[in-house]
Structures are given as C-alpha cells and as structure tokens.
Amino acid sequence: MKDSVYKLVELVGTSEKSWEEAAKLAVATANKSLRDIRIAEVVKLDMHLEDSRIVSYRARIKISFKYEDD
C-alpha cells in the first residue's frame, strides 16, 4: 500500500430544513473545488434562532481529501 497524505478542512453548511440537508450542502459545495474527498465527519450541530424560533440548521463538518502527487 502506498503512503498517503490527507488534508482536513472544516466547513459549515446551513439549511432551513434540517441538519442532514446542511451537511449535504457542505459536501456538495466542497465537491465543486476539491477532488478525491474521502471522509466527511460531522463535528457539531446547532441552530440559528431569531425571536426564539429556528431560522436555520447548521452542520459543522470536517472533510478529508487526498493530496495529489505531481
């Protein structure tokens, strides 16, 4: 097995519907500019509130992707 190096980035996705949708949006957005994403780990879930009402769900995720060899 070849040795590898991976980079971690942390992103926050938001959704008016759910934490799952927020996490999916973060991964989908990362897929537009990152290649070879290997792992997406949910680090924290929270909500944005206004007047004691839920406005949006937020999912903080860490994404791992492999560095490419030149």
Protein backbone atom coordinates (compact mmCIF):
# COMPACT_ATOMS: atom_id res chain seq x y z
CA MET A 1 0.00 0.00 0.00
CA LYS A 2 1.32 3.42 -0.98
CA ASP A 3 1.82 6.05 1.73
CA SER A 4 -0.60 8.96 1.51
CA VAL A 5 -1.13 12.44 2.91
CA TYR A 6 -4.57 13.92 3.56
CA LYS A 7 -5.71 17.46 4.30
CA LEU A 8 -8.62 18.37 6.59
CA VAL A 9 -10.83 21.40 6.08
CA GLU A 10 -13.73 22.49 8.23
CA LEU A 11 -16.94 23.80 6.67
CA VAL A 12 -20.33 24.94 7.92
CA GLY A 13 -23.41 24.15 5.85
CA THR A 14 -26.79 25.72 6.56
CA SER A 15 -30.34 24.71 5.72
CA GLU A 16 -33.83 25.87 6.61
CA LYS A 17 -34.98 22.21 6.54
CA SER A 18 -32.59 20.00 8.55
CA TRP A 19 -29.08 19.24 9.78
CA GLU A 20 -28.83 16.48 7.19
CA GLU A 21 -29.54 18.94 4.37
CA ALA A 22 -26.99 21.36 5.84
CA ALA A 23 -24.30 18.66 5.88
CA LYS A 24 -25.18 17.53 2.34
CA LEU A 25 -24.89 21.11 1.09
CA ALA A 26 -21.44 21.49 2.65
CA VAL A 27 -20.21 18.29 0.99
CA ALA A 28 -21.79 19.17 -2.37
CA THR A 29 -20.17 22.60 -2.31
CA ALA A 30 -16.77 21.14 -1.38
CA ASN A 31 -17.07 18.69 -4.29
CA LYS A 32 -17.08 21.64 -6.70
CA SER A 33 -13.49 22.60 -5.86
CA LEU A 34 -11.92 19.61 -4.06
CA ARG A 35 -11.09 16.24 -5.59
CA ASP A 36 -10.79 12.84 -4.03
CA ILE A 37 -12.81 13.62 -0.89
CA ARG A 38 -12.54 10.60 1.39
CA ILE A 39 -14.29 11.36 4.68
CA ALA A 40 -16.87 13.85 5.91
CA GLU A 41 -17.23 13.94 9.69
CA VAL A 42 -19.98 15.86 11.47
CA VAL A 43 -18.27 17.83 14.23
CA LYS A 44 -21.10 19.96 15.59
CA LEU A 45 -24.80 20.56 15.01
CA ASP A 46 -26.50 23.79 16.03
CA MET A 47 -29.35 26.08 15.07
CA HIS A 48 -29.66 29.77 14.27
CA LEU A 49 -32.55 31.31 16.21
CA GLU A 50 -34.48 34.54 15.83
CA ASP A 51 -37.19 35.50 18.32
CA SER A 52 -36.80 32.04 19.90
CA ARG A 53 -37.70 30.36 16.58
CA ILE A 54 -35.45 28.15 14.49
CA VAL A 55 -34.36 30.02 11.38
CA SER A 56 -31.79 27.53 10.10
CA TYR A 57 -29.94 24.36 10.96
CA ARG A 58 -26.14 24.38 10.82
CA ALA A 59 -23.81 21.42 10.45
CA ARG A 60 -20.09 21.90 11.00
CA ILE A 61 -18.17 19.19 9.19
CA LYS A 62 -14.55 18.21 8.63
CA ILE A 63 -13.74 16.99 5.15
CA SER A 64 -10.68 14.90 4.38
CA PHE A 65 -9.19 14.76 0.90
CA LYS A 66 -6.03 13.25 -0.52
CA TYR A 67 -3.15 15.36 -1.78
CA GLU A 68 -2.32 14.55 -5.38
CA ASP A 69 1.18 13.58 -6.39
CA ASP A 70 2.59 15.65 -9.23
